[in-house]
Structure formats: C-alpha cells, structure tokens
Amino acid sequence: MTKTILITGSTDGIGLLTAQTLAAEGHRVLLHGRNAAKLEAAANTIEGPVELYKSDLSNMADVHALASDIRAKHDKIDVVINNAGILKAPNTVTKGGYDLRFMVNAIAPYVLTRDLLPIIAKDGRVVNLSSAAQAPVDLDALHGCRQLSDMDVYAQSKLALTIWSREMAKTLPDGPAVIAVNPGSLLASKLVKEGFGIAGNDLSIGANILRDAALDASFANASGAYFDNDSQQFAQPHAAALDAAHSAEVMQGLDEAAAMLG
C-alpha cells in the first residue's frame, strides 16, 4: 500500500537516502529543504512521486507555513520523519533569539508535528531522529538566554526531542505512534563531516532503520519508545528523559518557546 511520507532535511545525507529508499518502494515522498536548488537536485535523484517543500526551520513562520502548505494539498499523510538537524553553524542564534540547534532539532519539529497531527493517519507514525548524544536540558539555554558549546547544545536538543516524543505519545493513545530513533552514531552525513571531520559510517545504516521505523511491523506498537540503532534494539534513553519533573519542565519550555515565537 502506497504511503505519503514527509521527511524534513531530505536534500542530502540520511534524509535523502531514506527518501530514495522509500520512493523506490513506491511511496509518495514529500521532500523538505531550505534551498530550492538543492531540493530540485535531490528530486532528480529520486525515482517515484515526490513533492518539494521549501522551508527554513529556524523561522517559526516558515514552520507553520510548511504545515499549512502540506495540509492544503493533503487530507492525510501517513508518516512524518523529523530528520533535519544541525550541530555547527556560522551563526547559531536565530532571528527570534533562540539557539539554532534547539530551534531546528527540537522546537521546530515539535511545532510542525503538532500542526500536522490533524492529518496524520491514526495508524501512522512520527519518527524523530534522536542521537546517542543526549544530556539534561538547561532551560535557560533552551530559551536562548545562555550560550553552550556546540556539542552540549546538540546533546541537550536531542534529549528535548526524545522527551517530547515520549510525552506526545502519552497524549495519543489511539495513534499516530511517536517514536524516537538514534539512527546510528557517526554516520557519513554532512553533520558528522562538518562536526567531527571524519568520513563516517555507511549512511544506509541510518536510512534502513528509518525506513523500518516508518513502516515495518516491528515498530507498530512502539509509540513512546526509543530505538538505539547502535545496539540495534529498543533501549532506555538518557535517565533525564525518564525523570518526570525534568520532562515536565522541558515540555513547558517547548510550549513557551512555541508561544513566544508565534
């Protein structure tokens, strides 16, 4: 059965390879990127039905507009893969005053998913790209009031993503499933090459697990779970994600950021 699947940050790396994999199986893929030329180039590498959506996830108006554009064209989508992520950038502060990594890696996918929930199929899935790098969230840093090192803010943003995956799943007992996935450490993505200066491991390690998380029966009852592809099994996330008080603080912080940024 053909599925309609949105993949954010799908002009290169794991996102593009996942898009190519899913399109080759006959699914309709909604490609997302910040750059029109890169979107067109990515689309040219895909055999199958694709739609192109240009949006800057560091800008909340763009996040809402992306959801509106998709809802204008679709009554239903089956899967959202929140793949877009940033570790390093020349300017790490958004126009709204937030850290770029918290915005793109955690706040934007949270708001985008909320906006799209009315059209995500009940038996569908939201797959969020987490990481082996996770750390307790500094709420001042989340709100852009404190600067952190690249790796610290990246790890905290990924824990924030993992927390909202777990907490959103609790509010959706009838679906869709919300699943956080570490696709594999140090894969050969642009993020790894720029951040760590290494070639990285085979991207297909990540693309294959994202494909399974999106469609395979083994993830059908995994809402709220965290899958660690380094160990190739469902696992516990960082202990801070299991702390009810910390999770509540992070959710409040995300809601406040979403409201502040409009």
Protein backbone atom coordinates (compact mmCIF):
# COMPACT_ATOMS: atom_id res chain seq x y z
CA MET A 1 0.00 0.00 0.00
CA THR A 2 1.38 3.38 -1.01
CA LYS A 3 2.13 5.75 1.88
CA THR A 4 2.61 9.51 1.89
CA ILE A 5 5.73 10.36 3.85
CA LEU A 6 7.22 13.72 4.83
CA ILE A 7 10.97 13.79 5.51
CA THR A 8 12.45 17.03 6.79
CA GLY A 9 16.01 17.86 5.86
CA SER A 10 15.91 15.49 2.92
CA THR A 11 18.18 17.21 0.39
CA ASP A 12 21.26 15.24 1.48
CA GLY A 13 22.58 12.67 3.92
CA ILE A 14 20.35 10.21 5.73
CA GLY A 15 17.22 12.16 4.80
CA LEU A 16 17.88 11.93 1.07
CA LEU A 17 18.89 8.28 1.17
CA THR A 18 15.77 7.46 3.17
CA ALA A 19 13.67 9.36 0.62
CA GLN A 20 15.30 7.44 -2.23
CA THR A 21 14.69 4.15 -0.43
CA LEU A 22 11.03 4.83 0.27
CA ALA A 23 10.32 6.23 -3.19
CA ALA A 24 11.89 3.15 -4.76
CA GLU A 25 9.31 1.09 -2.87
CA GLY A 26 6.55 3.15 -4.47
CA HIS A 27 5.71 5.58 -1.67
CA ARG A 28 4.99 9.27 -2.24
CA VAL A 29 7.74 11.30 -0.60
CA LEU A 30 7.42 14.91 0.49
CA LEU A 31 10.94 16.34 0.31
CA HIS A 32 11.84 19.27 2.52
CA GLY A 33 14.82 21.60 2.45
CA ARG A 34 15.90 25.22 2.91
CA ASN A 35 17.29 25.69 -0.59
CA ALA A 36 15.24 25.45 -3.80
CA ALA A 37 18.18 24.42 -5.98
CA LYS A 38 19.17 21.63 -3.57
CA LEU A 39 15.56 20.45 -3.46
CA GLU A 40 15.44 20.21 -7.24
CA ALA A 41 18.77 18.40 -7.32
CA ALA A 42 17.59 15.94 -4.66
CA ALA A 43 14.34 15.32 -6.52
CA ASN A 44 16.32 14.46 -9.66
CA THR A 45 17.96 11.56 -7.81
CA ILE A 46 14.63 10.00 -6.84
CA GLU A 47 12.61 7.63 -8.97
CA GLY A 48 9.00 7.95 -7.96
CA PRO A 49 6.41 10.55 -6.98
CA VAL A 50 7.87 13.42 -4.97
CA GLU A 51 6.69 16.84 -3.83
CA LEU A 52 9.06 19.67 -2.91
CA TYR A 53 8.62 21.91 0.14
CA LYS A 54 10.99 24.79 0.82
CA SER A 55 11.04 25.99 4.43
CA ASP A 56 13.58 27.36 6.91
CA LEU A 57 13.00 25.52 10.18
CA SER A 58 14.90 28.20 12.11
CA ASN A 59 11.98 30.54 11.40
CA MET A 60 8.70 29.74 13.18
CA ALA A 61 6.61 31.45 10.49
CA ASP A 62 8.18 29.09 7.95
CA VAL A 63 7.41 26.10 10.17
CA HIS A 64 3.73 27.00 10.33
CA ALA A 65 3.68 27.78 6.60
CA LEU A 66 5.19 24.37 5.82
CA ALA A 67 2.42 22.64 7.74
CA SER A 68 -0.21 24.81 6.05
CA ASP A 69 1.17 24.04 2.59
CA ILE A 70 1.09 20.32 3.27
CA ARG A 71 -2.41 20.43 4.73
CA ALA A 72 -3.60 22.40 1.70
CA LYS A 73 -2.52 19.54 -0.58
CA HIS A 74 -3.23 16.51 1.58
CA ASP A 75 -6.18 15.31 3.65
CA LYS A 76 -3.95 12.61 5.10
CA ILE A 77 -0.28 11.79 5.43
CA ASP A 78 0.98 8.53 6.86
CA VAL A 79 4.44 9.26 8.22
CA VAL A 80 6.44 12.27 9.36
CA ILE A 81 10.18 11.74 9.70
CA ASN A 82 11.69 14.66 11.59
CA ASN A 83 15.21 14.24 10.24
CA ALA A 84 16.51 17.82 9.92
CA GLY A 85 19.29 18.55 12.38
CA ILE A 86 22.20 20.92 12.97
CA LEU A 87 25.37 20.65 15.06
CA LYS A 88 27.52 23.56 13.89
CA ALA A 89 26.74 26.78 12.02
CA PRO A 90 28.45 30.14 11.42
CA ASN A 91 25.65 31.92 13.28
CA THR A 92 23.96 29.89 15.98
CA VAL A 93 21.33 32.46 17.04
CA THR A 94 18.02 32.66 15.17
CA LYS A 95 16.20 35.88 14.36
CA GLY A 96 13.88 35.02 17.24
CA GLY A 97 16.82 34.95 19.65
CA TYR A 98 16.90 31.18 20.17
CA ASP A 99 19.81 28.82 19.67
CA LEU A 100 19.67 27.44 16.14
CA ARG A 101 20.22 23.87 17.33
CA PHE A 102 17.42 23.93 19.87
CA MET A 103 15.16 25.51 17.26
CA VAL A 104 15.83 23.15 14.33
CA ASN A 105 16.48 19.97 16.32
CA ALA A 106 13.68 20.19 18.90
CA ILE A 107 11.31 23.18 18.81
CA ALA A 108 10.53 23.27 15.07
CA PRO A 109 9.78 19.53 14.73
CA TYR A 110 7.59 19.73 17.84
CA VAL A 111 5.53 22.58 16.39
CA LEU A 112 5.45 21.08 12.88
CA THR A 113 4.20 17.76 14.23
CA ARG A 114 1.52 19.46 16.33
CA ASP A 115 0.37 21.42 13.29
CA LEU A 116 0.20 18.27 11.16
CA LEU A 117 -1.47 15.99 13.73
CA PRO A 118 -4.99 16.58 12.32
CA ILE A 119 -3.97 14.92 9.04
CA ILE A 120 -1.54 12.26 10.27
CA ALA A 121 -3.24 8.87 10.00
CA LYS A 122 -4.16 7.23 13.31
CA ASP A 123 -2.22 4.16 12.22
CA GLY A 124 0.61 6.38 11.00
CA ARG A 125 3.91 7.25 12.64
CA VAL A 126 6.04 10.20 13.66
CA VAL A 127 9.71 9.21 13.61
CA ASN A 128 12.05 11.61 15.39
CA LEU A 129 15.80 11.47 14.85
CA SER A 130 17.40 11.43 18.23
CA SER A 131 21.05 10.64 18.94
CA ALA A 132 23.33 8.68 21.23
CA ALA A 133 24.37 12.16 22.40
CA GLN A 134 21.79 13.21 24.99
CA ALA A 135 22.13 15.46 28.04
CA PRO A 136 19.81 17.12 30.59
CA VAL A 137 18.29 20.31 29.20
CA ASP A 138 19.36 23.70 30.52
CA LEU A 139 16.10 25.68 30.28
CA ASP A 140 17.95 28.99 30.05
CA ALA A 141 19.88 27.64 27.07
CA LEU A 142 16.66 26.33 25.52
CA HIS A 143 15.28 29.88 25.66
CA GLY A 144 18.45 31.42 24.23
CA CYS A 145 19.50 33.06 27.49
CA ARG A 146 22.74 31.08 27.86
CA GLN A 147 25.34 30.07 25.29
CA LEU A 148 26.63 26.49 25.30
CA SER A 149 29.28 24.63 23.31
CA ASP A 150 28.17 23.07 20.02
CA MET A 151 28.19 19.53 21.40
CA ASP A 152 26.46 20.47 24.67
CA VAL A 153 23.58 22.22 22.96
CA TYR A 154 23.29 19.46 20.34
CA ALA A 155 23.05 16.76 23.02
CA GLN A 156 20.51 18.78 25.00
CA SER A 157 18.40 19.46 21.91
CA LYS A 158 18.33 15.74 21.15
CA LEU A 159 17.21 14.94 24.69
CA ALA A 160 14.47 17.60 24.34
CA LEU A 161 13.36 15.86 21.12
CA THR A 162 13.36 12.48 22.86
CA ILE A 163 11.37 13.88 25.78
CA TRP A 164 8.66 15.40 23.62
CA SER A 165 8.46 12.16 21.62
CA ARG A 166 7.70 10.26 24.82
CA GLU A 167 5.34 12.88 26.21
CA MET A 168 3.40 13.40 22.97
CA ALA A 169 2.95 9.64 22.63
CA LYS A 170 1.18 9.60 26.01
CA THR A 171 -1.42 12.06 24.69
CA LEU A 172 -2.14 9.96 21.58
CA PRO A 173 -3.36 6.56 22.82
CA ASP A 174 -5.18 5.97 19.53
CA GLY A 175 -2.19 6.99 17.40
CA PRO A 176 -0.28 8.00 15.48
CA ALA A 177 2.76 6.36 17.05
CA VAL A 178 5.57 8.72 18.06
CA ILE A 179 9.00 7.08 18.11
CA ALA A 180 12.47 8.47 18.84
CA VAL A 181 15.31 6.76 16.98
CA ASN A 182 19.07 7.03 17.23
CA PRO A 183 19.85 6.09 13.60
CA GLY A 184 23.45 5.23 14.41
CA SER A 185 26.48 7.11 15.64
CA LEU A 186 28.90 8.93 13.33
CA LEU A 187 27.21 8.11 10.05
CA ALA A 188 28.54 9.70 6.86
CA SER A 189 26.29 12.76 6.94
CA LYS A 190 27.20 16.39 6.35
CA LEU A 191 26.62 16.99 10.07
CA VAL A 192 29.25 14.38 11.02
CA LYS A 193 31.74 15.52 8.38
CA GLU A 194 31.47 19.18 9.43
CA GLY A 195 31.22 18.49 13.13
CA PHE A 196 33.85 15.81 13.58
CA GLY A 197 36.00 15.99 10.45
CA ILE A 198 35.58 12.31 9.61
CA ALA A 199 34.02 10.45 6.68
CA GLY A 200 31.65 8.49 8.90
CA ASN A 201 29.97 5.12 8.62
CA ASP A 202 27.67 3.85 5.86
CA LEU A 203 24.58 6.07 5.60
CA SER A 204 22.43 3.07 4.75
CA ILE A 205 22.70 2.02 8.42
CA GLY A 206 20.59 5.04 9.27
CA ALA A 207 18.34 5.03 6.22
CA ASN A 208 17.39 1.39 6.72
CA ILE A 209 16.34 1.83 10.33
CA LEU A 210 14.36 4.96 9.49
CA ARG A 211 12.56 3.03 6.78
CA ASP A 212 11.72 0.32 9.31
CA ALA A 213 10.65 2.78 11.98
CA ALA A 214 8.34 4.40 9.43
CA LEU A 215 6.77 1.25 8.00
CA ASP A 216 7.86 -2.06 9.49
CA ALA A 217 5.56 -4.10 11.71
CA SER A 218 8.29 -4.35 14.34
CA PHE A 219 7.64 -0.71 15.23
CA ALA A 220 3.82 -0.93 15.15
CA ASN A 221 3.48 -0.90 18.94
CA ALA A 222 6.49 1.27 19.71
CA SER A 223 4.81 4.60 20.44
CA GLY A 224 6.74 6.42 23.14
CA ALA A 225 9.71 4.10 22.77
CA TYR A 226 13.34 4.91 21.99
CA PHE A 227 15.24 2.76 19.49
CA ASP A 228 19.03 2.73 19.69
CA ASN A 229 20.45 1.58 16.38
CA ASP A 230 23.95 1.37 17.83
CA SER A 231 22.76 -1.60 19.88
CA GLN A 232 20.06 -2.45 17.30
CA GLN A 233 17.32 -2.65 19.90
CA PHE A 234 14.78 -0.67 21.87
CA ALA A 235 16.53 0.82 24.86
CA GLN A 236 16.21 3.40 27.60
CA PRO A 237 17.10 6.96 26.63
CA HIS A 238 19.20 9.15 28.92
CA ALA A 239 17.95 8.93 32.51
CA ALA A 240 16.86 12.58 32.39
CA ALA A 241 14.18 11.63 29.85
CA LEU A 242 12.73 9.26 32.43
CA ASP A 243 12.64 11.96 35.12
CA ALA A 244 9.04 13.18 35.32
CA ALA A 245 9.95 16.57 36.78
CA HIS A 246 12.62 17.28 34.17
CA SER A 247 10.35 16.11 31.36
CA ALA A 248 7.57 18.42 32.59
CA GLU A 249 10.00 21.36 32.69
CA VAL A 250 11.20 20.66 29.18
CA MET A 251 7.66 20.35 27.83
CA GLN A 252 6.74 23.65 29.48
CA GLY A 253 9.86 25.20 27.95
CA LEU A 254 8.96 23.92 24.48
CA ASP A 255 5.39 25.20 24.80
CA GLU A 256 6.64 28.60 26.00
CA ALA A 257 9.13 28.79 23.12
CA ALA A 258 6.43 27.88 20.59
CA ALA A 259 4.13 30.55 22.00
CA MET A 260 6.89 33.16 22.17
CA LEU A 261 7.97 32.55 18.59
CA GLY A 262 4.38 32.52 17.31
